[in-house]
C-alpha atoms as a PDB file:
ATOM      1  CA  MET A   1       0.000   0.000   0.000  1.00  0.00           C
ATOM      2  CA  ASN A   2       1.214   3.502  -0.821  1.00  0.00           C
ATOM      3  CA  LYS A   3       2.861   5.027   2.282  1.00  0.00           C
ATOM      4  CA  ILE A   4       0.845   8.248   2.111  1.00  0.00           C
ATOM      5  CA  LYS A   5      -2.407   6.297   1.678  1.00  0.00           C
ATOM      6  CA  TYR A   6      -1.575   4.142   4.708  1.00  0.00           C
ATOM      7  CA  LYS A   7      -0.687   7.214   6.764  1.00  0.00           C
ATOM      8  CA  ILE A   8      -3.951   8.959   5.823  1.00  0.00           C
ATOM      9  CA  LEU A   9      -6.059   5.910   6.770  1.00  0.00           C
ATOM     10  CA  LYS A  10      -4.248   5.672  10.092  1.00  0.00           C
ATOM     11  CA  LEU A  11      -4.792   9.370  10.839  1.00  0.00           C
ATOM     12  CA  ILE A  12      -8.491   9.197   9.895  1.00  0.00           C
ATOM     13  CA  LYS A  13      -9.038   6.278  12.289  1.00  0.00           C
ATOM     14  CA  LYS A  14      -7.118   8.158  14.981  1.00  0.00           C
ATOM     15  CA  ILE A  15      -9.519  11.135  14.850  1.00  0.00           C
ATOM     16  CA  GLY A  16     -12.470   8.792  15.421  1.00  0.00           C
ATOM     17  CA  ILE A  17     -13.948   8.455  11.917  1.00  0.00           C
ATOM     18  CA  LYS A  18     -15.095   4.854  11.501  1.00  0.00           C
ATOM     19  CA  ASN A  19     -16.901   5.211   8.169  1.00  0.00           C
ATOM     20  CA  LYS A  20     -15.871   2.966   5.281  1.00  0.00           C
ATOM     21  CA  ILE A  21     -13.245   4.865   3.263  1.00  0.00           C
ATOM     22  CA  ASP A  22     -11.416   4.369  -0.023  1.00  0.00           C
ATOM     23  CA  ILE A  23      -8.451   6.567  -0.951  1.00  0.00           C
ATOM     24  CA  ILE A  24      -7.055   7.171  -4.427  1.00  0.00           C
ATOM     25  CA  ILE A  25      -3.785   9.099  -4.798  1.00  0.00           C
ATOM     26  CA  TYR A  26      -2.659  10.802  -7.994  1.00  0.00           C
ATOM     27  CA  ASN A  27       1.011  11.837  -8.361  1.00  0.00           C
ATOM     28  CA  ASN A  28       1.343  12.169  -4.568  1.00  0.00           C
ATOM     29  CA  ASN A  29      -0.258  15.628  -4.502  1.00  0.00           C
ATOM     30  CA  LYS A  30      -3.904  14.902  -5.385  1.00  0.00           C
ATOM     31  CA  ILE A  31      -6.154  12.813  -3.166  1.00  0.00           C
ATOM     32  CA  LEU A  32      -9.675  11.539  -3.837  1.00  0.00           C
ATOM     33  CA  ILE A  33     -11.420  10.199  -0.738  1.00  0.00           C
ATOM     34  CA  LYS A  34     -14.607   8.146  -1.157  1.00  0.00           C
ATOM     35  CA  ILE A  35     -16.545   7.864   2.084  1.00  0.00           C
ATOM     36  CA  GLU A  36     -19.759   6.102   3.119  1.00  0.00           C
ATOM     37  CA  LEU A  37     -21.982   8.367   5.194  1.00  0.00           C
ATOM     38  CA  ASN A  38     -25.029   7.597   7.314  1.00  0.00           C
ATOM     39  CA  HIS A  39     -26.498  10.981   6.419  1.00  0.00           C
ATOM     40  CA  ILE A  40     -25.533  13.935   4.231  1.00  0.00           C
ATOM     41  CA  ASN A  41     -25.592  16.244   7.284  1.00  0.00           C
ATOM     42  CA  ASP A  42     -22.446  14.400   8.443  1.00  0.00           C
ATOM     43  CA  LYS A  43     -20.453  15.361   5.342  1.00  0.00           C
ATOM     44  CA  LYS A  44     -19.472  18.908   6.275  1.00  0.00           C
ATOM     45  CA  LYS A  45     -18.063  18.000   9.702  1.00  0.00           C
ATOM     46  CA  ILE A  46     -16.319  14.807   8.547  1.00  0.00           C
ATOM     47  CA  GLU A  47     -14.832  16.570   5.513  1.00  0.00           C
ATOM     48  CA  SER A  48     -13.515  19.393   7.717  1.00  0.00           C
ATOM     49  CA  LYS A  49     -11.977  16.926  10.189  1.00  0.00           C
ATOM     50  CA  ILE A  50     -10.234  14.910   7.472  1.00  0.00           C
ATOM     51  CA  LYS A  51      -8.832  17.967   5.675  1.00  0.00           C
ATOM     52  CA  LYS A  52      -7.504  19.539   8.889  1.00  0.00           C
ATOM     53  CA  CYS A  53      -5.905  16.240   9.861  1.00  0.00           C
ATOM     54  CA  ILE A  54      -4.171  15.755   6.482  1.00  0.00           C
ATOM     55  CA  TYR A  55      -2.980  19.365   6.191  1.00  0.00           C
ATOM     56  CA  LYS A  56      -1.603  19.319   9.735  1.00  0.00           C
ATOM     57  CA  ASN A  57       0.091  15.911   9.720  1.00  0.00           C
ATOM     58  CA  ILE A  58       1.157  15.333   6.109  1.00  0.00           C
ATOM     59  CA  TYR A  59       1.556  18.554   4.087  1.00  0.00           C
ATOM     60  CA  LYS A  60      -0.468  21.554   3.029  1.00  0.00           C
ATOM     61  CA  ASN A  61       0.386  21.542  -0.680  1.00  0.00           C
ATOM     62  CA  ILE A  62      -2.065  18.793  -1.504  1.00  0.00           C
ATOM     63  CA  LYS A  63      -5.425  18.855  -3.299  1.00  0.00           C
ATOM     64  CA  ILE A  64      -8.173  16.916  -1.540  1.00  0.00           C
ATOM     65  CA  LYS A  65     -11.574  15.997  -2.971  1.00  0.00           C
ATOM     66  CA  ILE A  66     -14.072  14.125  -0.819  1.00  0.00           C
ATOM     67  CA  ILE A  67     -17.105  12.427  -2.365  1.00  0.00           C
ATOM     68  CA  SER A  68     -19.877  10.541  -0.574  1.00  0.00           C
ATOM     69  CA  ASN A  69     -22.371   7.813  -1.396  1.00  0.00           C
ATOM     70  CA  ILE A  70     -25.377   9.979  -0.502  1.00  0.00           C
ATOM     71  CA  LYS A  71     -27.109  12.457  -2.789  1.00  0.00           C
ATOM     72  CA  GLU A  72     -26.484  15.958  -1.517  1.00  0.00           C
ATOM     73  CA  LYS A  73     -29.391  18.107  -0.435  1.00  0.00           C
ATOM     74  CA  LYS A  74     -29.965  21.432  -2.083  1.00  0.00           C
ATOM     75  CA  TYR A  75     -28.504  24.621  -0.648  1.00  0.00           C
ATOM     76  CA  ILE A  76     -30.502  27.736  -1.452  1.00  0.00           C
ATOM     77  CA  ASN A  77     -27.996  30.314  -2.673  1.00  0.00           C
ATOM     78  CA  ASN A  78     -27.071  32.977  -0.105  1.00  0.00           C
ATOM     79  CA  ILE A  79     -29.138  31.450   2.728  1.00  0.00           C
ATOM     80  CA  LYS A  80     -26.930  30.514   5.667  1.00  0.00           C
ATOM     81  CA  ASN A  81     -29.447  28.678   7.875  1.00  0.00           C
ATOM     82  CA  ILE A  82     -32.812  27.030   7.197  1.00  0.00           C
ATOM     83  CA  ILE A  83     -34.835  26.483  10.370  1.00  0.00           C
ATOM     84  CA  VAL A  84     -38.113  24.562  10.076  1.00  0.00           C
ATOM     85  CA  ILE A  85     -40.944  24.912  12.595  1.00  0.00           C
ATOM     86  CA  ALA A  86     -42.955  21.700  12.919  1.00  0.00           C
ATOM     87  CA  SER A  87     -45.764  20.220  14.981  1.00  0.00           C
ATOM     88  CA  GLY A  88     -47.410  16.841  15.347  1.00  0.00           C
ATOM     89  CA  LYS A  89     -50.903  18.242  14.899  1.00  0.00           C
ATOM     90  CA  GLY A  90     -52.657  21.437  13.875  1.00  0.00           C
ATOM     91  CA  GLY A  91     -53.986  24.087  16.236  1.00  0.00           C
ATOM     92  CA  VAL A  92     -50.991  24.236  18.588  1.00  0.00           C
ATOM     93  CA  GLY A  93     -49.867  27.737  17.533  1.00  0.00           C
ATOM     94  CA  LYS A  94     -46.994  26.715  15.265  1.00  0.00           C
ATOM     95  CA  SER A  95     -47.499  29.566  12.774  1.00  0.00           C
ATOM     96  CA  THR A  96     -47.808  32.169  15.538  1.00  0.00           C
ATOM     97  CA  ILE A  97     -44.533  30.963  17.022  1.00  0.00           C
ATOM     98  CA  ALA A  98     -42.819  30.851  13.599  1.00  0.00           C
ATOM     99  CA  ALA A  99     -43.841  34.470  12.936  1.00  0.00           C
ATOM    100  CA  ASN A 100     -42.629  35.724  16.315  1.00  0.00           C
ATOM    101  CA  ILE A 101     -39.341  33.796  16.151  1.00  0.00           C
ATOM    102  CA  ALA A 102     -38.622  35.257  12.686  1.00  0.00           C
ATOM    103  CA  LEU A 103     -39.286  38.809  13.897  1.00  0.00           C
ATOM    104  CA  THR A 104     -37.263  38.388  17.098  1.00  0.00           C
ATOM    105  CA  ILE A 105     -34.204  37.088  15.220  1.00  0.00           C
ATOM    106  CA  SER A 106     -34.612  39.993  12.785  1.00  0.00           C
ATOM    107  CA  ASN A 107     -34.698  42.447  15.708  1.00  0.00           C
ATOM    108  CA  LEU A 108     -31.278  41.111  16.737  1.00  0.00           C
ATOM    109  CA  GLY A 109     -29.818  42.391  13.474  1.00  0.00           C
ATOM    110  CA  PHE A 110     -30.005  39.308  11.249  1.00  0.00           C
ATOM    111  CA  LYS A 111     -31.442  39.154   7.728  1.00  0.00           C
ATOM    112  CA  VAL A 112     -34.495  36.906   7.977  1.00  0.00           C
ATOM    113  CA  GLY A 113     -37.001  35.327   5.615  1.00  0.00           C
ATOM    114  CA  LEU A 114     -40.240  33.546   6.507  1.00  0.00           C
ATOM    115  CA  LEU A 115     -41.628  30.839   4.210  1.00  0.00           C
ATOM    116  CA  ASP A 116     -45.196  29.686   4.806  1.00  0.00           C
ATOM    117  CA  ALA A 117     -45.114  26.107   3.494  1.00  0.00           C
ATOM    118  CA  ASP A 118     -48.445  25.124   5.053  1.00  0.00           C
ATOM    119  CA  LEU A 119     -50.105  24.588   1.687  1.00  0.00           C
ATOM    120  CA  TYR A 120     -53.561  23.645   2.970  1.00  0.00           C
ATOM    121  CA  GLY A 121     -53.814  26.224   5.753  1.00  0.00           C
ATOM    122  CA  PRO A 122     -51.532  29.231   5.133  1.00  0.00           C
ATOM    123  CA  SER A 123     -51.794  31.606   8.108  1.00  0.00           C
ATOM    124  CA  ILE A 124     -48.794  33.903   7.686  1.00  0.00           C
ATOM    125  CA  PRO A 125     -50.408  36.438   5.259  1.00  0.00           C
ATOM    126  CA  LEU A 126     -53.175  37.184   7.790  1.00  0.00           C
ATOM    127  CA  MET A 127     -50.714  37.404  10.701  1.00  0.00           C
ATOM    128  CA  PHE A 128     -48.751  40.079   8.832  1.00  0.00           C
ATOM    129  CA  ASP A 129     -51.782  41.821   7.289  1.00  0.00           C
ATOM    130  CA  ILE A 130     -50.521  41.143   3.756  1.00  0.00           C
ATOM    131  CA  GLU A 131     -53.194  38.744   2.470  1.00  0.00           C
ATOM    132  CA  ASN A 132     -54.171  41.226  -0.269  1.00  0.00           C
ATOM    133  CA  GLU A 133     -50.611  42.005  -1.391  1.00  0.00           C
ATOM    134  CA  LYS A 134     -49.627  41.235  -4.983  1.00  0.00           C
ATOM    135  CA  ILE A 135     -46.527  39.169  -5.740  1.00  0.00           C
ATOM    136  CA  SER A 136     -43.853  40.605  -8.051  1.00  0.00           C
ATOM    137  CA  ILE A 137     -41.985  38.539 -10.638  1.00  0.00           C
ATOM    138  CA  ILE A 138     -38.483  39.530 -11.755  1.00  0.00           C
ATOM    139  CA  GLU A 139     -36.107  38.039 -14.309  1.00  0.00           C
ATOM    140  CA  ILE A 140     -32.649  36.925 -13.146  1.00  0.00           C
ATOM    141  CA  GLU A 141     -30.274  35.305 -15.646  1.00  0.00           C
ATOM    142  CA  ASN A 142     -33.184  34.567 -18.021  1.00  0.00           C
ATOM    143  CA  CYS A 143     -35.176  32.870 -15.232  1.00  0.00           C
ATOM    144  CA  LYS A 144     -38.378  34.246 -13.756  1.00  0.00           C
ATOM    145  CA  LYS A 145     -38.240  34.505  -9.969  1.00  0.00           C
ATOM    146  CA  ILE A 146     -40.844  35.294  -7.304  1.00  0.00           C
ATOM    147  CA  LEU A 147     -39.948  38.238  -5.060  1.00  0.00           C
ATOM    148  CA  PRO A 148     -40.918  37.915  -1.383  1.00  0.00           C
ATOM    149  CA  ILE A 149     -43.009  40.638   0.215  1.00  0.00           C
ATOM    150  CA  ILE A 150     -41.191  42.662   2.878  1.00  0.00           C
ATOM    151  CA  LYS A 151     -43.096  43.454   6.078  1.00  0.00           C
ATOM    152  CA  TYR A 152     -41.714  44.534   9.461  1.00  0.00           C
ATOM    153  CA  GLY A 153     -38.181  44.096   8.099  1.00  0.00           C
ATOM    154  CA  ILE A 154     -38.443  40.438   7.047  1.00  0.00           C
ATOM    155  CA  LYS A 155     -39.032  38.805   3.654  1.00  0.00           C
ATOM    156  CA  ILE A 156     -42.194  36.713   3.437  1.00  0.00           C
ATOM    157  CA  LEU A 157     -43.527  34.186   0.947  1.00  0.00           C
ATOM    158  CA  SER A 158     -46.683  32.126   1.299  1.00  0.00           C
ATOM    159  CA  ILE A 159     -48.723  29.871  -0.937  1.00  0.00           C
ATOM    160  CA  GLY A 160     -51.599  31.970   0.405  1.00  0.00           C
ATOM    161  CA  PHE A 161     -50.513  34.788  -1.922  1.00  0.00           C
ATOM    162  CA  PHE A 162     -51.619  32.643  -4.864  1.00  0.00           C
ATOM    163  CA  SER A 163     -55.118  31.743  -3.655  1.00  0.00           C
ATOM    164  CA  GLU A 164     -58.179  33.561  -2.377  1.00  0.00           C
ATOM    165  CA  LEU A 165     -58.724  33.738   1.388  1.00  0.00           C
ATOM    166  CA  ASN A 166     -61.770  31.425   1.261  1.00  0.00           C
ATOM    167  CA  GLN A 167     -60.476  29.211  -1.554  1.00  0.00           C
ATOM    168  CA  ALA A 168     -59.585  25.617  -0.638  1.00  0.00           C
ATOM    169  CA  ILE A 169     -56.486  24.007  -2.140  1.00  0.00           C
ATOM    170  CA  VAL A 170     -57.489  20.440  -3.020  1.00  0.00           C
ATOM    171  CA  TRP A 171     -54.294  18.883  -4.335  1.00  0.00           C
ATOM    172  CA  ARG A 172     -53.195  15.308  -3.796  1.00  0.00           C
ATOM    173  CA  GLY A 173     -49.850  14.609  -2.118  1.00  0.00           C
ATOM    174  CA  PRO A 174     -47.578  14.341  -5.206  1.00  0.00           C
ATOM    175  CA  MET A 175     -49.039  17.492  -6.773  1.00  0.00           C
ATOM    176  CA  ALA A 176     -48.703  19.407  -3.489  1.00  0.00           C
ATOM    177  CA  SER A 177     -45.089  18.259  -3.071  1.00  0.00           C
ATOM    178  CA  LYS A 178     -44.224  19.281  -6.629  1.00  0.00           C
ATOM    179  CA  ALA A 179     -45.858  22.685  -6.125  1.00  0.00           C
ATOM    180  CA  ILE A 180     -43.926  23.445  -2.943  1.00  0.00           C
ATOM    181  CA  LYS A 181     -40.606  22.413  -4.564  1.00  0.00           C
ATOM    182  CA  GLU A 182     -41.277  24.708  -7.531  1.00  0.00           C
ATOM    183  CA  PHE A 183     -42.314  27.457  -5.131  1.00  0.00           C
ATOM    184  CA  ILE A 184     -38.938  27.226  -3.368  1.00  0.00           C
ATOM    185  CA  ASN A 185     -36.841  26.864  -6.528  1.00  0.00           C
ATOM    186  CA  GLU A 186     -38.517  29.810  -8.239  1.00  0.00           C
ATOM    187  CA  SER A 187     -38.190  32.254  -5.329  1.00  0.00           C
ATOM    188  CA  PHE A 188     -35.513  34.931  -5.009  1.00  0.00           C
ATOM    189  CA  TRP A 189     -34.546  35.560  -1.364  1.00  0.00           C
ATOM    190  CA  ASP A 190     -31.205  37.256  -2.016  1.00  0.00           C
ATOM    191  CA  LYS A 191     -28.957  37.141   1.085  1.00  0.00           C
ATOM    192  CA  LEU A 192     -30.416  35.735   4.322  1.00  0.00           C
ATOM    193  CA  ASP A 193     -28.910  34.692   7.632  1.00  0.00           C
ATOM    194  CA  PHE A 194     -32.037  32.707   8.508  1.00  0.00           C
ATOM    195  CA  LEU A 195     -34.954  31.302   6.542  1.00  0.00           C
ATOM    196  CA  ILE A 196     -37.714  30.253   8.941  1.00  0.00           C
ATOM    197  CA  VAL A 197     -40.045  27.684   7.352  1.00  0.00           C
ATOM    198  CA  ASP A 198     -43.539  27.163   8.757  1.00  0.00           C
ATOM    199  CA  LEU A 199     -44.234  23.508   7.894  1.00  0.00           C
ATOM    200  CA  PRO A 200     -47.669  21.897   7.627  1.00  0.00           C
ATOM    201  CA  PRO A 201     -48.634  19.933  10.764  1.00  0.00           C
ATOM    202  CA  GLY A 202     -47.886  16.219  10.928  1.00  0.00           C
ATOM    203  CA  THR A 203     -45.612  14.011   8.849  1.00  0.00           C
ATOM    204  CA  GLY A 204     -47.194  14.233   5.392  1.00  0.00           C
ATOM    205  CA  ASP A 205     -45.879  14.521   1.829  1.00  0.00           C
ATOM    206  CA  ILE A 206     -45.027  18.235   1.881  1.00  0.00           C
ATOM    207  CA  THR A 207     -43.003  17.966   5.080  1.00  0.00           C
ATOM    208  CA  LEU A 208     -41.136  14.910   3.776  1.00  0.00           C
ATOM    209  CA  SER A 209     -40.443  16.569   0.411  1.00  0.00           C
ATOM    210  CA  LEU A 210     -39.008  19.672   2.040  1.00  0.00           C
ATOM    211  CA  ILE A 211     -36.767  17.951   4.557  1.00  0.00           C
ATOM    212  CA  GLN A 212     -35.444  15.518   1.950  1.00  0.00           C
ATOM    213  CA  GLU A 213     -34.887  18.238  -0.668  1.00  0.00           C
ATOM    214  CA  LEU A 214     -33.294  21.034   1.386  1.00  0.00           C
ATOM    215  CA  ASN A 215     -30.202  21.197   3.541  1.00  0.00           C
ATOM    216  CA  ILE A 216     -31.949  22.043   6.805  1.00  0.00           C
ATOM    217  CA  THR A 217     -29.948  23.419   9.733  1.00  0.00           C
ATOM    218  CA  GLY A 218     -32.424  22.212  12.336  1.00  0.00           C
ATOM    219  CA  VAL A 219     -36.036  21.765  13.376  1.00  0.00           C
ATOM    220  CA  ILE A 220     -38.023  23.337  16.210  1.00  0.00           C
ATOM    221  CA  LEU A 221     -41.075  21.432  17.395  1.00  0.00           C
ATOM    222  CA  VAL A 222     -44.162  23.031  18.904  1.00  0.00           C
ATOM    223  CA  SER A 223     -46.715  21.330  21.137  1.00  0.00           C
ATOM    224  CA  THR A 224     -49.267  22.093  23.808  1.00  0.00           C
ATOM    225  CA  PRO A 225     -48.892  20.216  27.114  1.00  0.00           C
ATOM    226  CA  GLN A 226     -51.986  18.043  26.709  1.00  0.00           C
ATOM    227  CA  ILE A 227     -51.477  14.298  26.226  1.00  0.00           C
ATOM    228  CA  ILE A 228     -53.169  14.079  22.809  1.00  0.00           C
ATOM    229  CA  SER A 229     -50.787  16.728  21.440  1.00  0.00           C
ATOM    230  CA  LEU A 230     -47.744  15.051  23.019  1.00  0.00           C
ATOM    231  CA  ILE A 231     -48.598  11.728  21.357  1.00  0.00           C
ATOM    232  CA  ASP A 232     -48.572  13.386  17.922  1.00  0.00           C
ATOM    233  CA  VAL A 233     -45.424  15.445  18.459  1.00  0.00           C
ATOM    234  CA  ARG A 234     -43.539  12.301  19.494  1.00  0.00           C
ATOM    235  CA  LYS A 235     -44.338  10.874  16.056  1.00  0.00           C
ATOM    236  CA  SER A 236     -42.791  13.974  14.471  1.00  0.00           C
ATOM    237  CA  ILE A 237     -39.706  13.588  16.667  1.00  0.00           C
ATOM    238  CA  ALA A 238     -39.411   9.955  15.572  1.00  0.00           C
ATOM    239  CA  MET A 239     -39.625  11.017  11.916  1.00  0.00           C
ATOM    240  CA  PHE A 240     -36.869  13.653  12.214  1.00  0.00           C
ATOM    241  CA  ASN A 241     -34.679  11.069  13.969  1.00  0.00           C
ATOM    242  CA  LEU A 242     -35.068   8.457  11.209  1.00  0.00           C
ATOM    243  CA  LYS A 243     -31.720   7.437   9.702  1.00  0.00           C
ATOM    244  CA  GLN A 244     -32.778   8.423   6.167  1.00  0.00           C
ATOM    245  CA  ILE A 245     -33.962  11.864   7.370  1.00  0.00           C
ATOM    246  CA  ASN A 246     -31.902  12.666  10.479  1.00  0.00           C
ATOM    247  CA  VAL A 247     -32.591  16.409  10.721  1.00  0.00           C
ATOM    248  CA  PRO A 248     -31.035  17.911  13.876  1.00  0.00           C
ATOM    249  CA  ILE A 249     -33.660  18.794  16.497  1.00  0.00           C
ATOM    250  CA  ILE A 250     -32.853  22.209  17.973  1.00  0.00           C
ATOM    251  CA  GLY A 251     -35.496  21.808  20.659  1.00  0.00           C
ATOM    252  CA  ILE A 252     -39.169  21.949  21.528  1.00  0.00           C
ATOM    253  CA  ILE A 253     -41.457  24.783  22.639  1.00  0.00           C
ATOM    254  CA  GLU A 254     -44.481  24.372  24.871  1.00  0.00           C
ATOM    255  CA  ASN A 255     -47.293  26.670  23.725  1.00  0.00           C
ATOM    256  CA  MET A 256     -50.411  27.519  25.763  1.00  0.00           C
ATOM    257  CA  SER A 257     -48.550  26.379  28.879  1.00  0.00           C
ATOM    258  CA  PHE A 258     -50.682  28.091  31.500  1.00  0.00           C
ATOM    259  CA  PHE A 259     -53.030  30.984  32.124  1.00  0.00           C
ATOM    260  CA  SER A 260     -52.430  33.769  34.659  1.00  0.00           C
ATOM    261  CA  PRO A 261     -55.293  36.225  35.286  1.00  0.00           C
ATOM    262  CA  LYS A 262     -54.432  39.957  35.343  1.00  0.00           C
ATOM    263  CA  GLU A 263     -55.625  40.324  38.926  1.00  0.00           C
ATOM    264  CA  SER A 264     -53.366  37.426  40.062  1.00  0.00           C
ATOM    265  CA  PRO A 265     -50.333  37.456  37.717  1.00  0.00           C
ATOM    266  CA  ASN A 266     -48.331  35.043  39.886  1.00  0.00           C
ATOM    267  CA  LYS A 267     -51.051  32.413  39.879  1.00  0.00           C
ATOM    268  CA  LYS A 268     -50.878  29.783  37.124  1.00  0.00           C
ATOM    269  CA  TYR A 269     -53.779  27.707  35.833  1.00  0.00           C
ATOM    270  CA  TYR A 270     -52.574  24.708  33.811  1.00  0.00           C
ATOM    271  CA  ILE A 271     -55.569  24.372  31.506  1.00  0.00           C
ATOM    272  CA  PHE A 272     -54.013  21.774  29.153  1.00  0.00           C
ATOM    273  CA  GLY A 273     -51.851  19.999  31.736  1.00  0.00           C
ATOM    274  CA  GLU A 274     -48.749  20.936  33.702  1.00  0.00           C
ATOM    275  CA  GLU A 275     -45.312  20.898  32.039  1.00  0.00           C
ATOM    276  CA  GLY A 276     -46.187  18.028  29.698  1.00  0.00           C
ATOM    277  CA  VAL A 277     -43.723  19.142  27.013  1.00  0.00           C
ATOM    278  CA  LYS A 278     -40.967  19.907  29.505  1.00  0.00           C
ATOM    279  CA  LYS A 279     -41.235  16.437  31.034  1.00  0.00           C
ATOM    280  CA  MET A 280     -41.312  14.768  27.616  1.00  0.00           C
ATOM    281  CA  ALA A 281     -38.270  16.764  26.450  1.00  0.00           C
ATOM    282  CA  LYS A 282     -36.314  15.634  29.504  1.00  0.00           C
ATOM    283  CA  TYR A 283     -37.336  12.009  28.953  1.00  0.00           C
ATOM    284  CA  LEU A 284     -36.353  12.098  25.249  1.00  0.00           C
ATOM    285  CA  ASN A 285     -33.192  14.154  25.898  1.00  0.00           C
ATOM    286  CA  ILE A 286     -34.384  17.041  23.714  1.00  0.00           C
ATOM    287  CA  LYS A 287     -33.630  20.659  24.574  1.00  0.00           C
ATOM    288  CA  PHE A 288     -36.611  22.484  26.083  1.00  0.00           C
ATOM    289  CA  LEU A 289     -36.593  25.949  24.499  1.00  0.00           C
ATOM    290  CA  GLY A 290     -39.301  27.646  26.547  1.00  0.00           C
ATOM    291  CA  GLU A 291     -42.972  27.944  27.399  1.00  0.00           C
ATOM    292  CA  ILE A 292     -45.482  30.422  25.979  1.00  0.00           C
ATOM    293  CA  PRO A 293     -48.420  31.244  28.272  1.00  0.00           C
ATOM    294  CA  ILE A 294     -52.034  31.715  27.194  1.00  0.00           C
ATOM    295  CA  ILE A 295     -52.414  35.470  26.741  1.00  0.00           C
ATOM    296  CA  GLU A 296     -55.266  37.121  24.873  1.00  0.00           C
ATOM    297  CA  SER A 297     -52.974  39.710  23.274  1.00  0.00           C
ATOM    298  CA  ILE A 298     -50.995  36.966  21.486  1.00  0.00           C
ATOM    299  CA  ARG A 299     -54.174  35.827  19.770  1.00  0.00           C
ATOM    300  CA  LYS A 300     -55.370  39.373  19.025  1.00  0.00           C
ATOM    301  CA  SER A 301     -52.046  40.511  17.600  1.00  0.00           C
ATOM    302  CA  ALA A 302     -51.952  37.501  15.251  1.00  0.00           C
ATOM    303  CA  ASP A 303     -55.545  38.052  14.119  1.00  0.00           C
ATOM    304  CA  PHE A 304     -54.943  41.728  13.369  1.00  0.00           C
ATOM    305  CA  GLY A 305     -51.676  41.442  11.469  1.00  0.00           C
ATOM    306  CA  CYS A 306     -49.093  42.596  14.011  1.00  0.00           C
ATOM    307  CA  PRO A 307     -47.337  39.727  15.883  1.00  0.00           C
ATOM    308  CA  ILE A 308     -46.953  40.115  19.643  1.00  0.00           C
ATOM    309  CA  VAL A 309     -43.169  40.745  19.696  1.00  0.00           C
ATOM    310  CA  LEU A 310     -43.820  44.037  17.875  1.00  0.00           C
ATOM    311  CA  LYS A 311     -46.074  45.202  20.696  1.00  0.00           C
ATOM    312  CA  ASN A 312     -44.861  46.787  23.916  1.00  0.00           C
ATOM    313  CA  GLU A 313     -45.238  43.588  25.965  1.00  0.00           C
ATOM    314  CA  LYS A 314     -41.829  42.995  27.503  1.00  0.00           C
ATOM    315  CA  LYS A 315     -42.701  39.740  29.282  1.00  0.00           C
ATOM    316  CA  ILE A 316     -43.628  37.939  26.053  1.00  0.00           C
ATOM    317  CA  TYR A 317     -40.842  39.585  24.064  1.00  0.00           C
ATOM    318  CA  TYR A 318     -38.214  38.307  26.520  1.00  0.00           C
ATOM    319  CA  ILE A 319     -39.609  34.773  26.266  1.00  0.00           C
ATOM    320  CA  PHE A 320     -39.157  34.854  22.484  1.00  0.00           C
ATOM    321  CA  LEU A 321     -35.782  36.588  22.863  1.00  0.00           C
ATOM    322  CA  LYS A 322     -34.472  33.700  24.990  1.00  0.00           C
ATOM    323  CA  ILE A 323     -35.762  31.191  22.421  1.00  0.00           C
ATOM    324  CA  ALA A 324     -34.204  33.160  19.536  1.00  0.00           C
ATOM    325  CA  LYS A 325     -30.815  33.282  21.271  1.00  0.00           C
ATOM    326  CA  LYS A 326     -30.884  29.504  21.797  1.00  0.00           C
ATOM    327  CA  ILE A 327     -31.570  29.026  18.073  1.00  0.00           C
ATOM    328  CA  ILE A 328     -28.717  31.362  17.109  1.00  0.00           C
ATOM    329  CA  ASN A 329     -26.315  29.605  19.503  1.00  0.00           C
ATOM    330  CA  PHE A 330     -27.272  26.254  17.968  1.00  0.00           C
ATOM    331  CA  THR A 331     -26.472  27.505  14.458  1.00  0.00           C
ATOM    332  CA  TYR A 332     -23.089  28.879  15.556  1.00  0.00           C
ATOM    333  CA  ILE A 333     -22.117  25.515  17.060  1.00  0.00           C
ATOM    334  CA  ASN A 334     -23.554  23.567  14.105  1.00  0.00           C
ATOM    335  CA  ASN A 335     -21.659  25.660  11.534  1.00  0.00           C
ATOM    336  CA  ILE A 336     -18.240  25.309  13.186  1.00  0.00           C
END
């Protein structure tokens, strides 16, 4: 065996990479490394480890190309992080949380986009009071692209812009999946630090298409504390943990955690159960990102097109601020 090839294999094993590897060396200064991966999300970290190891221990003047056995997911040009917001069932406040997370991260100085991928029940246009806005089409390099609408400093796209408010979308799974892929591919976001994607509830075709097509940084799950909601969100967790999907779970948020009346702000009424999500997160070893109480102003602000973090309600804003900072910290660690 070539001495350099043997040395590389030895070094790769030493840094803890146990994947099946084949090495081809050309003229002692070009290396092709074929590696078997469990998931494409592993490629970036493994590739970085191998290159650092070779450059440090052999020599820097060497060209390294690493190829894997798994089809790479699509990166959307100029988007650094794609964060998907998911839930096991509908009606848990996923879209409200997606909207407020997007705005809070934007308030911290990041460039943010919000994609409403809930094809059958798009809520984002109403929450931002843009349901009557008209979409613009521009031409870039002979390709027609959809321009997002900008509201409150973030870029927004929703399938709801292409249908009437009371019009039902009655597409079967394959057609819906194809439509959402085209919607993403034909959109022009320009430069973004974060694209927040509001997924449909459950584990259906659209969700599967998106997470298999795009290089997703991580997923945030939303659930209420009641048992029936916890059962469904556990199914979503199981899906994201599947070997063929394996999307990193950033954490889980408990929505509608408790109610505190104005006259007794320190008193908590656990209408849907006490700390159900928090207990489940601990049991499943998933990060608990925070709890959102039942407050009338959250509902009103969503209904009237101005999400709660834009209002002067410091208590709620700080809850979302803590969640946003945890998301940002996760992306920093993940991108190292």
